[in-house]
PDBML (XML) file of the C-alpha atoms, coordinates in Angstrom:
<?xml version="1.0" encoding="UTF-8" ?>
<PDBx:datablock datablockName="MODEL"
   xmlns:PDBx="http://pdbml.pdb.org/schema/pdbx-v50.xsd"
   xmlns:xsi="http://www.w3.org/2001/XMLSchema-instance"
   xsi:schemaLocation="http://pdbml.pdb.org/schema/pdbx-v50.xsd pdbx-v50.xsd">
   <PDBx:atom_siteCategory>
      <PDBx:atom_site id="1">
         <PDBx:B_iso_or_equiv>0.00</PDBx:B_iso_or_equiv>
         <PDBx:Cartn_x>2.112</PDBx:Cartn_x>
         <PDBx:Cartn_y>-4.163</PDBx:Cartn_y>
         <PDBx:Cartn_z>-0.261</PDBx:Cartn_z>
         <PDBx:auth_asym_id>A</PDBx:auth_asym_id>
         <PDBx:auth_atom_id>CA</PDBx:auth_atom_id>
         <PDBx:auth_comp_id>UNK</PDBx:auth_comp_id>
         <PDBx:auth_seq_id>1</PDBx:auth_seq_id>
         <PDBx:group_PDB>ATOM</PDBx:group_PDB>
         <PDBx:label_alt_id xsi:nil="true" />
         <PDBx:label_asym_id>A</PDBx:label_asym_id>
         <PDBx:label_atom_id>CA</PDBx:label_atom_id>
         <PDBx:label_comp_id>UNK</PDBx:label_comp_id>
         <PDBx:label_entity_id>1</PDBx:label_entity_id>
         <PDBx:label_seq_id>1</PDBx:label_seq_id>
         <PDBx:occupancy>1.00</PDBx:occupancy>
         <PDBx:pdbx_PDB_model_num>1</PDBx:pdbx_PDB_model_num>
         <PDBx:type_symbol>C</PDBx:type_symbol>
      </PDBx:atom_site>
      <PDBx:atom_site id="2">
         <PDBx:B_iso_or_equiv>0.00</PDBx:B_iso_or_equiv>
         <PDBx:Cartn_x>-1.101</PDBx:Cartn_x>
         <PDBx:Cartn_y>-2.260</PDBx:Cartn_y>
         <PDBx:Cartn_z>0.353</PDBx:Cartn_z>
         <PDBx:auth_asym_id>A</PDBx:auth_asym_id>
         <PDBx:auth_atom_id>CA</PDBx:auth_atom_id>
         <PDBx:auth_comp_id>UNK</PDBx:auth_comp_id>
         <PDBx:auth_seq_id>2</PDBx:auth_seq_id>
         <PDBx:group_PDB>ATOM</PDBx:group_PDB>
         <PDBx:label_alt_id xsi:nil="true" />
         <PDBx:label_asym_id>A</PDBx:label_asym_id>
         <PDBx:label_atom_id>CA</PDBx:label_atom_id>
         <PDBx:label_comp_id>UNK</PDBx:label_comp_id>
         <PDBx:label_entity_id>1</PDBx:label_entity_id>
         <PDBx:label_seq_id>2</PDBx:label_seq_id>
         <PDBx:occupancy>1.00</PDBx:occupancy>
         <PDBx:pdbx_PDB_model_num>1</PDBx:pdbx_PDB_model_num>
         <PDBx:type_symbol>C</PDBx:type_symbol>
      </PDBx:atom_site>
      <PDBx:atom_site id="3">
         <PDBx:B_iso_or_equiv>0.00</PDBx:B_iso_or_equiv>
         <PDBx:Cartn_x>-1.198</PDBx:Cartn_x>
         <PDBx:Cartn_y>1.489</PDBx:Cartn_y>
         <PDBx:Cartn_z>0.973</PDBx:Cartn_z>
         <PDBx:auth_asym_id>A</PDBx:auth_asym_id>
         <PDBx:auth_atom_id>CA</PDBx:auth_atom_id>
         <PDBx:auth_comp_id>UNK</PDBx:auth_comp_id>
         <PDBx:auth_seq_id>3</PDBx:auth_seq_id>
         <PDBx:group_PDB>ATOM</PDBx:group_PDB>
         <PDBx:label_alt_id xsi:nil="true" />
         <PDBx:label_asym_id>A</PDBx:label_asym_id>
         <PDBx:label_atom_id>CA</PDBx:label_atom_id>
         <PDBx:label_comp_id>UNK</PDBx:label_comp_id>
         <PDBx:label_entity_id>1</PDBx:label_entity_id>
         <PDBx:label_seq_id>3</PDBx:label_seq_id>
         <PDBx:occupancy>1.00</PDBx:occupancy>
         <PDBx:pdbx_PDB_model_num>1</PDBx:pdbx_PDB_model_num>
         <PDBx:type_symbol>C</PDBx:type_symbol>
      </PDBx:atom_site>
      <PDBx:atom_site id="4">
         <PDBx:B_iso_or_equiv>0.00</PDBx:B_iso_or_equiv>
         <PDBx:Cartn_x>-3.533</PDBx:Cartn_x>
         <PDBx:Cartn_y>3.943</PDBx:Cartn_y>
         <PDBx:Cartn_z>2.587</PDBx:Cartn_z>
         <PDBx:auth_asym_id>A</PDBx:auth_asym_id>
         <PDBx:auth_atom_id>CA</PDBx:auth_atom_id>
         <PDBx:auth_comp_id>UNK</PDBx:auth_comp_id>
         <PDBx:auth_seq_id>4</PDBx:auth_seq_id>
         <PDBx:group_PDB>ATOM</PDBx:group_PDB>
         <PDBx:label_alt_id xsi:nil="true" />
         <PDBx:label_asym_id>A</PDBx:label_asym_id>
         <PDBx:label_atom_id>CA</PDBx:label_atom_id>
         <PDBx:label_comp_id>UNK</PDBx:label_comp_id>
         <PDBx:label_entity_id>1</PDBx:label_entity_id>
         <PDBx:label_seq_id>4</PDBx:label_seq_id>
         <PDBx:occupancy>1.00</PDBx:occupancy>
         <PDBx:pdbx_PDB_model_num>1</PDBx:pdbx_PDB_model_num>
         <PDBx:type_symbol>C</PDBx:type_symbol>
      </PDBx:atom_site>
      <PDBx:atom_site id="5">
         <PDBx:B_iso_or_equiv>0.00</PDBx:B_iso_or_equiv>
         <PDBx:Cartn_x>-3.152</PDBx:Cartn_x>
         <PDBx:Cartn_y>7.516</PDBx:Cartn_y>
         <PDBx:Cartn_z>1.374</PDBx:Cartn_z>
         <PDBx:auth_asym_id>A</PDBx:auth_asym_id>
         <PDBx:auth_atom_id>CA</PDBx:auth_atom_id>
         <PDBx:auth_comp_id>UNK</PDBx:auth_comp_id>
         <PDBx:auth_seq_id>5</PDBx:auth_seq_id>
         <PDBx:group_PDB>ATOM</PDBx:group_PDB>
         <PDBx:label_alt_id xsi:nil="true" />
         <PDBx:label_asym_id>A</PDBx:label_asym_id>
         <PDBx:label_atom_id>CA</PDBx:label_atom_id>
         <PDBx:label_comp_id>UNK</PDBx:label_comp_id>
         <PDBx:label_entity_id>1</PDBx:label_entity_id>
         <PDBx:label_seq_id>5</PDBx:label_seq_id>
         <PDBx:occupancy>1.00</PDBx:occupancy>
         <PDBx:pdbx_PDB_model_num>1</PDBx:pdbx_PDB_model_num>
         <PDBx:type_symbol>C</PDBx:type_symbol>
      </PDBx:atom_site>
      <PDBx:atom_site id="6">
         <PDBx:B_iso_or_equiv>0.00</PDBx:B_iso_or_equiv>
         <PDBx:Cartn_x>-4.716</PDBx:Cartn_x>
         <PDBx:Cartn_y>9.895</PDBx:Cartn_y>
         <PDBx:Cartn_z>3.867</PDBx:Cartn_z>
         <PDBx:auth_asym_id>A</PDBx:auth_asym_id>
         <PDBx:auth_atom_id>CA</PDBx:auth_atom_id>
         <PDBx:auth_comp_id>UNK</PDBx:auth_comp_id>
         <PDBx:auth_seq_id>6</PDBx:auth_seq_id>
         <PDBx:group_PDB>ATOM</PDBx:group_PDB>
         <PDBx:label_alt_id xsi:nil="true" />
         <PDBx:label_asym_id>A</PDBx:label_asym_id>
         <PDBx:label_atom_id>CA</PDBx:label_atom_id>
         <PDBx:label_comp_id>UNK</PDBx:label_comp_id>
         <PDBx:label_entity_id>1</PDBx:label_entity_id>
         <PDBx:label_seq_id>6</PDBx:label_seq_id>
         <PDBx:occupancy>1.00</PDBx:occupancy>
         <PDBx:pdbx_PDB_model_num>1</PDBx:pdbx_PDB_model_num>
         <PDBx:type_symbol>C</PDBx:type_symbol>
      </PDBx:atom_site>
      <PDBx:atom_site id="7">
         <PDBx:B_iso_or_equiv>0.00</PDBx:B_iso_or_equiv>
         <PDBx:Cartn_x>-5.326</PDBx:Cartn_x>
         <PDBx:Cartn_y>13.497</PDBx:Cartn_y>
         <PDBx:Cartn_z>2.855</PDBx:Cartn_z>
         <PDBx:auth_asym_id>A</PDBx:auth_asym_id>
         <PDBx:auth_atom_id>CA</PDBx:auth_atom_id>
         <PDBx:auth_comp_id>UNK</PDBx:auth_comp_id>
         <PDBx:auth_seq_id>7</PDBx:auth_seq_id>
         <PDBx:group_PDB>ATOM</PDBx:group_PDB>
         <PDBx:label_alt_id xsi:nil="true" />
         <PDBx:label_asym_id>A</PDBx:label_asym_id>
         <PDBx:label_atom_id>CA</PDBx:label_atom_id>
         <PDBx:label_comp_id>UNK</PDBx:label_comp_id>
         <PDBx:label_entity_id>1</PDBx:label_entity_id>
         <PDBx:label_seq_id>7</PDBx:label_seq_id>
         <PDBx:occupancy>1.00</PDBx:occupancy>
         <PDBx:pdbx_PDB_model_num>1</PDBx:pdbx_PDB_model_num>
         <PDBx:type_symbol>C</PDBx:type_symbol>
      </PDBx:atom_site>
      <PDBx:atom_site id="8">
         <PDBx:B_iso_or_equiv>0.00</PDBx:B_iso_or_equiv>
         <PDBx:Cartn_x>-6.922</PDBx:Cartn_x>
         <PDBx:Cartn_y>16.479</PDBx:Cartn_y>
         <PDBx:Cartn_z>4.575</PDBx:Cartn_z>
         <PDBx:auth_asym_id>A</PDBx:auth_asym_id>
         <PDBx:auth_atom_id>CA</PDBx:auth_atom_id>
         <PDBx:auth_comp_id>UNK</PDBx:auth_comp_id>
         <PDBx:auth_seq_id>8</PDBx:auth_seq_id>
         <PDBx:group_PDB>ATOM</PDBx:group_PDB>
         <PDBx:label_alt_id xsi:nil="true" />
         <PDBx:label_asym_id>A</PDBx:label_asym_id>
         <PDBx:label_atom_id>CA</PDBx:label_atom_id>
         <PDBx:label_comp_id>UNK</PDBx:label_comp_id>
         <PDBx:label_entity_id>1</PDBx:label_entity_id>
         <PDBx:label_seq_id>8</PDBx:label_seq_id>
         <PDBx:occupancy>1.00</PDBx:occupancy>
         <PDBx:pdbx_PDB_model_num>1</PDBx:pdbx_PDB_model_num>
         <PDBx:type_symbol>C</PDBx:type_symbol>
      </PDBx:atom_site>
      <PDBx:atom_site id="9">
         <PDBx:B_iso_or_equiv>0.00</PDBx:B_iso_or_equiv>
         <PDBx:Cartn_x>-6.375</PDBx:Cartn_x>
         <PDBx:Cartn_y>14.854</PDBx:Cartn_y>
         <PDBx:Cartn_z>7.916</PDBx:Cartn_z>
         <PDBx:auth_asym_id>A</PDBx:auth_asym_id>
         <PDBx:auth_atom_id>CA</PDBx:auth_atom_id>
         <PDBx:auth_comp_id>UNK</PDBx:auth_comp_id>
         <PDBx:auth_seq_id>9</PDBx:auth_seq_id>
         <PDBx:group_PDB>ATOM</PDBx:group_PDB>
         <PDBx:label_alt_id xsi:nil="true" />
         <PDBx:label_asym_id>A</PDBx:label_asym_id>
         <PDBx:label_atom_id>CA</PDBx:label_atom_id>
         <PDBx:label_comp_id>UNK</PDBx:label_comp_id>
         <PDBx:label_entity_id>1</PDBx:label_entity_id>
         <PDBx:label_seq_id>9</PDBx:label_seq_id>
         <PDBx:occupancy>1.00</PDBx:occupancy>
         <PDBx:pdbx_PDB_model_num>1</PDBx:pdbx_PDB_model_num>
         <PDBx:type_symbol>C</PDBx:type_symbol>
      </PDBx:atom_site>
      <PDBx:atom_site id="10">
         <PDBx:B_iso_or_equiv>0.00</PDBx:B_iso_or_equiv>
         <PDBx:Cartn_x>-8.448</PDBx:Cartn_x>
         <PDBx:Cartn_y>15.933</PDBx:Cartn_y>
         <PDBx:Cartn_z>10.876</PDBx:Cartn_z>
         <PDBx:auth_asym_id>A</PDBx:auth_asym_id>
         <PDBx:auth_atom_id>CA</PDBx:auth_atom_id>
         <PDBx:auth_comp_id>UNK</PDBx:auth_comp_id>
         <PDBx:auth_seq_id>10</PDBx:auth_seq_id>
         <PDBx:group_PDB>ATOM</PDBx:group_PDB>
         <PDBx:label_alt_id xsi:nil="true" />
         <PDBx:label_asym_id>A</PDBx:label_asym_id>
         <PDBx:label_atom_id>CA</PDBx:label_atom_id>
         <PDBx:label_comp_id>UNK</PDBx:label_comp_id>
         <PDBx:label_entity_id>1</PDBx:label_entity_id>
         <PDBx:label_seq_id>10</PDBx:label_seq_id>
         <PDBx:occupancy>1.00</PDBx:occupancy>
         <PDBx:pdbx_PDB_model_num>1</PDBx:pdbx_PDB_model_num>
         <PDBx:type_symbol>C</PDBx:type_symbol>
      </PDBx:atom_site>
      <PDBx:atom_site id="11">
         <PDBx:B_iso_or_equiv>0.00</PDBx:B_iso_or_equiv>
         <PDBx:Cartn_x>-7.809</PDBx:Cartn_x>
         <PDBx:Cartn_y>15.573</PDBx:Cartn_y>
         <PDBx:Cartn_z>14.608</PDBx:Cartn_z>
         <PDBx:auth_asym_id>A</PDBx:auth_asym_id>
         <PDBx:auth_atom_id>CA</PDBx:auth_atom_id>
         <PDBx:auth_comp_id>UNK</PDBx:auth_comp_id>
         <PDBx:auth_seq_id>11</PDBx:auth_seq_id>
         <PDBx:group_PDB>ATOM</PDBx:group_PDB>
         <PDBx:label_alt_id xsi:nil="true" />
         <PDBx:label_asym_id>A</PDBx:label_asym_id>
         <PDBx:label_atom_id>CA</PDBx:label_atom_id>
         <PDBx:label_comp_id>UNK</PDBx:label_comp_id>
         <PDBx:label_entity_id>1</PDBx:label_entity_id>
         <PDBx:label_seq_id>11</PDBx:label_seq_id>
         <PDBx:occupancy>1.00</PDBx:occupancy>
         <PDBx:pdbx_PDB_model_num>1</PDBx:pdbx_PDB_model_num>
         <PDBx:type_symbol>C</PDBx:type_symbol>
      </PDBx:atom_site>
      <PDBx:atom_site id="12">
         <PDBx:B_iso_or_equiv>0.00</PDBx:B_iso_or_equiv>
         <PDBx:Cartn_x>-10.609</PDBx:Cartn_x>
         <PDBx:Cartn_y>13.017</PDBx:Cartn_y>
         <PDBx:Cartn_z>14.750</PDBx:Cartn_z>
         <PDBx:auth_asym_id>A</PDBx:auth_asym_id>
         <PDBx:auth_atom_id>CA</PDBx:auth_atom_id>
         <PDBx:auth_comp_id>UNK</PDBx:auth_comp_id>
         <PDBx:auth_seq_id>12</PDBx:auth_seq_id>
         <PDBx:group_PDB>ATOM</PDBx:group_PDB>
         <PDBx:label_alt_id xsi:nil="true" />
         <PDBx:label_asym_id>A</PDBx:label_asym_id>
         <PDBx:label_atom_id>CA</PDBx:label_atom_id>
         <PDBx:label_comp_id>UNK</PDBx:label_comp_id>
         <PDBx:label_entity_id>1</PDBx:label_entity_id>
         <PDBx:label_seq_id>12</PDBx:label_seq_id>
         <PDBx:occupancy>1.00</PDBx:occupancy>
         <PDBx:pdbx_PDB_model_num>1</PDBx:pdbx_PDB_model_num>
         <PDBx:type_symbol>C</PDBx:type_symbol>
      </PDBx:atom_site>
      <PDBx:atom_site id="13">
         <PDBx:B_iso_or_equiv>0.00</PDBx:B_iso_or_equiv>
         <PDBx:Cartn_x>-8.547</PDBx:Cartn_x>
         <PDBx:Cartn_y>10.797</PDBx:Cartn_y>
         <PDBx:Cartn_z>12.446</PDBx:Cartn_z>
         <PDBx:auth_asym_id>A</PDBx:auth_asym_id>
         <PDBx:auth_atom_id>CA</PDBx:auth_atom_id>
         <PDBx:auth_comp_id>UNK</PDBx:auth_comp_id>
         <PDBx:auth_seq_id>13</PDBx:auth_seq_id>
         <PDBx:group_PDB>ATOM</PDBx:group_PDB>
         <PDBx:label_alt_id xsi:nil="true" />
         <PDBx:label_asym_id>A</PDBx:label_asym_id>
         <PDBx:label_atom_id>CA</PDBx:label_atom_id>
         <PDBx:label_comp_id>UNK</PDBx:label_comp_id>
         <PDBx:label_entity_id>1</PDBx:label_entity_id>
         <PDBx:label_seq_id>13</PDBx:label_seq_id>
         <PDBx:occupancy>1.00</PDBx:occupancy>
         <PDBx:pdbx_PDB_model_num>1</PDBx:pdbx_PDB_model_num>
         <PDBx:type_symbol>C</PDBx:type_symbol>
      </PDBx:atom_site>
      <PDBx:atom_site id="14">
         <PDBx:B_iso_or_equiv>0.00</PDBx:B_iso_or_equiv>
         <PDBx:Cartn_x>-6.142</PDBx:Cartn_x>
         <PDBx:Cartn_y>10.249</PDBx:Cartn_y>
         <PDBx:Cartn_z>15.322</PDBx:Cartn_z>
         <PDBx:auth_asym_id>A</PDBx:auth_asym_id>
         <PDBx:auth_atom_id>CA</PDBx:auth_atom_id>
         <PDBx:auth_comp_id>UNK</PDBx:auth_comp_id>
         <PDBx:auth_seq_id>14</PDBx:auth_seq_id>
         <PDBx:group_PDB>ATOM</PDBx:group_PDB>
         <PDBx:label_alt_id xsi:nil="true" />
         <PDBx:label_asym_id>A</PDBx:label_asym_id>
         <PDBx:label_atom_id>CA</PDBx:label_atom_id>
         <PDBx:label_comp_id>UNK</PDBx:label_comp_id>
         <PDBx:label_entity_id>1</PDBx:label_entity_id>
         <PDBx:label_seq_id>14</PDBx:label_seq_id>
         <PDBx:occupancy>1.00</PDBx:occupancy>
         <PDBx:pdbx_PDB_model_num>1</PDBx:pdbx_PDB_model_num>
         <PDBx:type_symbol>C</PDBx:type_symbol>
      </PDBx:atom_site>
      <PDBx:atom_site id="15">
         <PDBx:B_iso_or_equiv>0.00</PDBx:B_iso_or_equiv>
         <PDBx:Cartn_x>-6.048</PDBx:Cartn_x>
         <PDBx:Cartn_y>6.524</PDBx:Cartn_y>
         <PDBx:Cartn_z>16.021</PDBx:Cartn_z>
         <PDBx:auth_asym_id>A</PDBx:auth_asym_id>
         <PDBx:auth_atom_id>CA</PDBx:auth_atom_id>
         <PDBx:auth_comp_id>UNK</PDBx:auth_comp_id>
         <PDBx:auth_seq_id>15</PDBx:auth_seq_id>
         <PDBx:group_PDB>ATOM</PDBx:group_PDB>
         <PDBx:label_alt_id xsi:nil="true" />
         <PDBx:label_asym_id>A</PDBx:label_asym_id>
         <PDBx:label_atom_id>CA</PDBx:label_atom_id>
         <PDBx:label_comp_id>UNK</PDBx:label_comp_id>
         <PDBx:label_entity_id>1</PDBx:label_entity_id>
         <PDBx:label_seq_id>15</PDBx:label_seq_id>
         <PDBx:occupancy>1.00</PDBx:occupancy>
         <PDBx:pdbx_PDB_model_num>1</PDBx:pdbx_PDB_model_num>
         <PDBx:type_symbol>C</PDBx:type_symbol>
      </PDBx:atom_site>
      <PDBx:atom_site id="16">
         <PDBx:B_iso_or_equiv>0.00</PDBx:B_iso_or_equiv>
         <PDBx:Cartn_x>-4.017</PDBx:Cartn_x>
         <PDBx:Cartn_y>3.382</PDBx:Cartn_y>
         <PDBx:Cartn_z>15.808</PDBx:Cartn_z>
         <PDBx:auth_asym_id>A</PDBx:auth_asym_id>
         <PDBx:auth_atom_id>CA</PDBx:auth_atom_id>
         <PDBx:auth_comp_id>UNK</PDBx:auth_comp_id>
         <PDBx:auth_seq_id>16</PDBx:auth_seq_id>
         <PDBx:group_PDB>ATOM</PDBx:group_PDB>
         <PDBx:label_alt_id xsi:nil="true" />
         <PDBx:label_asym_id>A</PDBx:label_asym_id>
         <PDBx:label_atom_id>CA</PDBx:label_atom_id>
         <PDBx:label_comp_id>UNK</PDBx:label_comp_id>
         <PDBx:label_entity_id>1</PDBx:label_entity_id>
         <PDBx:label_seq_id>16</PDBx:label_seq_id>
         <PDBx:occupancy>1.00</PDBx:occupancy>
         <PDBx:pdbx_PDB_model_num>1</PDBx:pdbx_PDB_model_num>
         <PDBx:type_symbol>C</PDBx:type_symbol>
      </PDBx:atom_site>
      <PDBx:atom_site id="17">
         <PDBx:B_iso_or_equiv>0.00</PDBx:B_iso_or_equiv>
         <PDBx:Cartn_x>-4.329</PDBx:Cartn_x>
         <PDBx:Cartn_y>2.120</PDBx:Cartn_y>
         <PDBx:Cartn_z>12.248</PDBx:Cartn_z>
         <PDBx:auth_asym_id>A</PDBx:auth_asym_id>
         <PDBx:auth_atom_id>CA</PDBx:auth_atom_id>
         <PDBx:auth_comp_id>UNK</PDBx:auth_comp_id>
         <PDBx:auth_seq_id>17</PDBx:auth_seq_id>
         <PDBx:group_PDB>ATOM</PDBx:group_PDB>
         <PDBx:label_alt_id xsi:nil="true" />
         <PDBx:label_asym_id>A</PDBx:label_asym_id>
         <PDBx:label_atom_id>CA</PDBx:label_atom_id>
         <PDBx:label_comp_id>UNK</PDBx:label_comp_id>
         <PDBx:label_entity_id>1</PDBx:label_entity_id>
         <PDBx:label_seq_id>17</PDBx:label_seq_id>
         <PDBx:occupancy>1.00</PDBx:occupancy>
         <PDBx:pdbx_PDB_model_num>1</PDBx:pdbx_PDB_model_num>
         <PDBx:type_symbol>C</PDBx:type_symbol>
      </PDBx:atom_site>
      <PDBx:atom_site id="18">
         <PDBx:B_iso_or_equiv>0.00</PDBx:B_iso_or_equiv>
         <PDBx:Cartn_x>-4.256</PDBx:Cartn_x>
         <PDBx:Cartn_y>-1.606</PDBx:Cartn_y>
         <PDBx:Cartn_z>11.628</PDBx:Cartn_z>
         <PDBx:auth_asym_id>A</PDBx:auth_asym_id>
         <PDBx:auth_atom_id>CA</PDBx:auth_atom_id>
         <PDBx:auth_comp_id>UNK</PDBx:auth_comp_id>
         <PDBx:auth_seq_id>18</PDBx:auth_seq_id>
         <PDBx:group_PDB>ATOM</PDBx:group_PDB>
         <PDBx:label_alt_id xsi:nil="true" />
         <PDBx:label_asym_id>A</PDBx:label_asym_id>
         <PDBx:label_atom_id>CA</PDBx:label_atom_id>
         <PDBx:label_comp_id>UNK</PDBx:label_comp_id>
         <PDBx:label_entity_id>1</PDBx:label_entity_id>
         <PDBx:label_seq_id>18</PDBx:label_seq_id>
         <PDBx:occupancy>1.00</PDBx:occupancy>
         <PDBx:pdbx_PDB_model_num>1</PDBx:pdbx_PDB_model_num>
         <PDBx:type_symbol>C</PDBx:type_symbol>
      </PDBx:atom_site>
      <PDBx:atom_site id="19">
         <PDBx:B_iso_or_equiv>0.00</PDBx:B_iso_or_equiv>
         <PDBx:Cartn_x>-3.739</PDBx:Cartn_x>
         <PDBx:Cartn_y>-3.645</PDBx:Cartn_y>
         <PDBx:Cartn_z>8.506</PDBx:Cartn_z>
         <PDBx:auth_asym_id>A</PDBx:auth_asym_id>
         <PDBx:auth_atom_id>CA</PDBx:auth_atom_id>
         <PDBx:auth_comp_id>UNK</PDBx:auth_comp_id>
         <PDBx:auth_seq_id>19</PDBx:auth_seq_id>
         <PDBx:group_PDB>ATOM</PDBx:group_PDB>
         <PDBx:label_alt_id xsi:nil="true" />
         <PDBx:label_asym_id>A</PDBx:label_asym_id>
         <PDBx:label_atom_id>CA</PDBx:label_atom_id>
         <PDBx:label_comp_id>UNK</PDBx:label_comp_id>
         <PDBx:label_entity_id>1</PDBx:label_entity_id>
         <PDBx:label_seq_id>19</PDBx:label_seq_id>
         <PDBx:occupancy>1.00</PDBx:occupancy>
         <PDBx:pdbx_PDB_model_num>1</PDBx:pdbx_PDB_model_num>
         <PDBx:type_symbol>C</PDBx:type_symbol>
      </PDBx:atom_site>
      <PDBx:atom_site id="20">
         <PDBx:B_iso_or_equiv>0.00</PDBx:B_iso_or_equiv>
         <PDBx:Cartn_x>-5.625</PDBx:Cartn_x>
         <PDBx:Cartn_y>-6.931</PDBx:Cartn_y>
         <PDBx:Cartn_z>8.414</PDBx:Cartn_z>
         <PDBx:auth_asym_id>A</PDBx:auth_asym_id>
         <PDBx:auth_atom_id>CA</PDBx:auth_atom_id>
         <PDBx:auth_comp_id>UNK</PDBx:auth_comp_id>
         <PDBx:auth_seq_id>20</PDBx:auth_seq_id>
         <PDBx:group_PDB>ATOM</PDBx:group_PDB>
         <PDBx:label_alt_id xsi:nil="true" />
         <PDBx:label_asym_id>A</PDBx:label_asym_id>
         <PDBx:label_atom_id>CA</PDBx:label_atom_id>
         <PDBx:label_comp_id>UNK</PDBx:label_comp_id>
         <PDBx:label_entity_id>1</PDBx:label_entity_id>
         <PDBx:label_seq_id>20</PDBx:label_seq_id>
         <PDBx:occupancy>1.00</PDBx:occupancy>
         <PDBx:pdbx_PDB_model_num>1</PDBx:pdbx_PDB_model_num>
         <PDBx:type_symbol>C</PDBx:type_symbol>
      </PDBx:atom_site>
      <PDBx:atom_site id="21">
         <PDBx:B_iso_or_equiv>0.00</PDBx:B_iso_or_equiv>
         <PDBx:Cartn_x>-6.150</PDBx:Cartn_x>
         <PDBx:Cartn_y>-9.887</PDBx:Cartn_y>
         <PDBx:Cartn_z>6.088</PDBx:Cartn_z>
         <PDBx:auth_asym_id>A</PDBx:auth_asym_id>
         <PDBx:auth_atom_id>CA</PDBx:auth_atom_id>
         <PDBx:auth_comp_id>UNK</PDBx:auth_comp_id>
         <PDBx:auth_seq_id>21</PDBx:auth_seq_id>
         <PDBx:group_PDB>ATOM</PDBx:group_PDB>
         <PDBx:label_alt_id xsi:nil="true" />
         <PDBx:label_asym_id>A</PDBx:label_asym_id>
         <PDBx:label_atom_id>CA</PDBx:label_atom_id>
         <PDBx:label_comp_id>UNK</PDBx:label_comp_id>
         <PDBx:label_entity_id>1</PDBx:label_entity_id>
         <PDBx:label_seq_id>21</PDBx:label_seq_id>
         <PDBx:occupancy>1.00</PDBx:occupancy>
         <PDBx:pdbx_PDB_model_num>1</PDBx:pdbx_PDB_model_num>
         <PDBx:type_symbol>C</PDBx:type_symbol>
      </PDBx:atom_site>
      <PDBx:atom_site id="22">
         <PDBx:B_iso_or_equiv>0.00</PDBx:B_iso_or_equiv>
         <PDBx:Cartn_x>-9.288</PDBx:Cartn_x>
         <PDBx:Cartn_y>-11.856</PDBx:Cartn_y>
         <PDBx:Cartn_z>5.308</PDBx:Cartn_z>
         <PDBx:auth_asym_id>A</PDBx:auth_asym_id>
         <PDBx:auth_atom_id>CA</PDBx:auth_atom_id>
         <PDBx:auth_comp_id>UNK</PDBx:auth_comp_id>
         <PDBx:auth_seq_id>22</PDBx:auth_seq_id>
         <PDBx:group_PDB>ATOM</PDBx:group_PDB>
         <PDBx:label_alt_id xsi:nil="true" />
         <PDBx:label_asym_id>A</PDBx:label_asym_id>
         <PDBx:label_atom_id>CA</PDBx:label_atom_id>
         <PDBx:label_comp_id>UNK</PDBx:label_comp_id>
         <PDBx:label_entity_id>1</PDBx:label_entity_id>
         <PDBx:label_seq_id>22</PDBx:label_seq_id>
         <PDBx:occupancy>1.00</PDBx:occupancy>
         <PDBx:pdbx_PDB_model_num>1</PDBx:pdbx_PDB_model_num>
         <PDBx:type_symbol>C</PDBx:type_symbol>
      </PDBx:atom_site>
      <PDBx:atom_site id="23">
         <PDBx:B_iso_or_equiv>0.00</PDBx:B_iso_or_equiv>
         <PDBx:Cartn_x>-9.945</PDBx:Cartn_x>
         <PDBx:Cartn_y>-14.884</PDBx:Cartn_y>
         <PDBx:Cartn_z>3.135</PDBx:Cartn_z>
         <PDBx:auth_asym_id>A</PDBx:auth_asym_id>
         <PDBx:auth_atom_id>CA</PDBx:auth_atom_id>
         <PDBx:auth_comp_id>UNK</PDBx:auth_comp_id>
         <PDBx:auth_seq_id>23</PDBx:auth_seq_id>
         <PDBx:group_PDB>ATOM</PDBx:group_PDB>
         <PDBx:label_alt_id xsi:nil="true" />
         <PDBx:label_asym_id>A</PDBx:label_asym_id>
         <PDBx:label_atom_id>CA</PDBx:label_atom_id>
         <PDBx:label_comp_id>UNK</PDBx:label_comp_id>
         <PDBx:label_entity_id>1</PDBx:label_entity_id>
         <PDBx:label_seq_id>23</PDBx:label_seq_id>
         <PDBx:occupancy>1.00</PDBx:occupancy>
         <PDBx:pdbx_PDB_model_num>1</PDBx:pdbx_PDB_model_num>
         <PDBx:type_symbol>C</PDBx:type_symbol>
      </PDBx:atom_site>
      <PDBx:atom_site id="24">
         <PDBx:B_iso_or_equiv>0.00</PDBx:B_iso_or_equiv>
         <PDBx:Cartn_x>-13.178</PDBx:Cartn_x>
         <PDBx:Cartn_y>-13.270</PDBx:Cartn_y>
         <PDBx:Cartn_z>1.984</PDBx:Cartn_z>
         <PDBx:auth_asym_id>A</PDBx:auth_asym_id>
         <PDBx:auth_atom_id>CA</PDBx:auth_atom_id>
         <PDBx:auth_comp_id>UNK</PDBx:auth_comp_id>
         <PDBx:auth_seq_id>24</PDBx:auth_seq_id>
         <PDBx:group_PDB>ATOM</PDBx:group_PDB>
         <PDBx:label_alt_id xsi:nil="true" />
         <PDBx:label_asym_id>A</PDBx:label_asym_id>
         <PDBx:label_atom_id>CA</PDBx:label_atom_id>
         <PDBx:label_comp_id>UNK</PDBx:label_comp_id>
         <PDBx:label_entity_id>1</PDBx:label_entity_id>
         <PDBx:label_seq_id>24</PDBx:label_seq_id>
         <PDBx:occupancy>1.00</PDBx:occupancy>
         <PDBx:pdbx_PDB_model_num>1</PDBx:pdbx_PDB_model_num>
         <PDBx:type_symbol>C</PDBx:type_symbol>
      </PDBx:atom_site>
   </PDBx:atom_siteCategory>
</PDBx:datablock>
């Protein structure tokens, strides 16, 4: 599992957040 801790959030952080995998 990978996490993304987001602090001090701003309205401009509003978005759909995607997790993705790469071989490199």
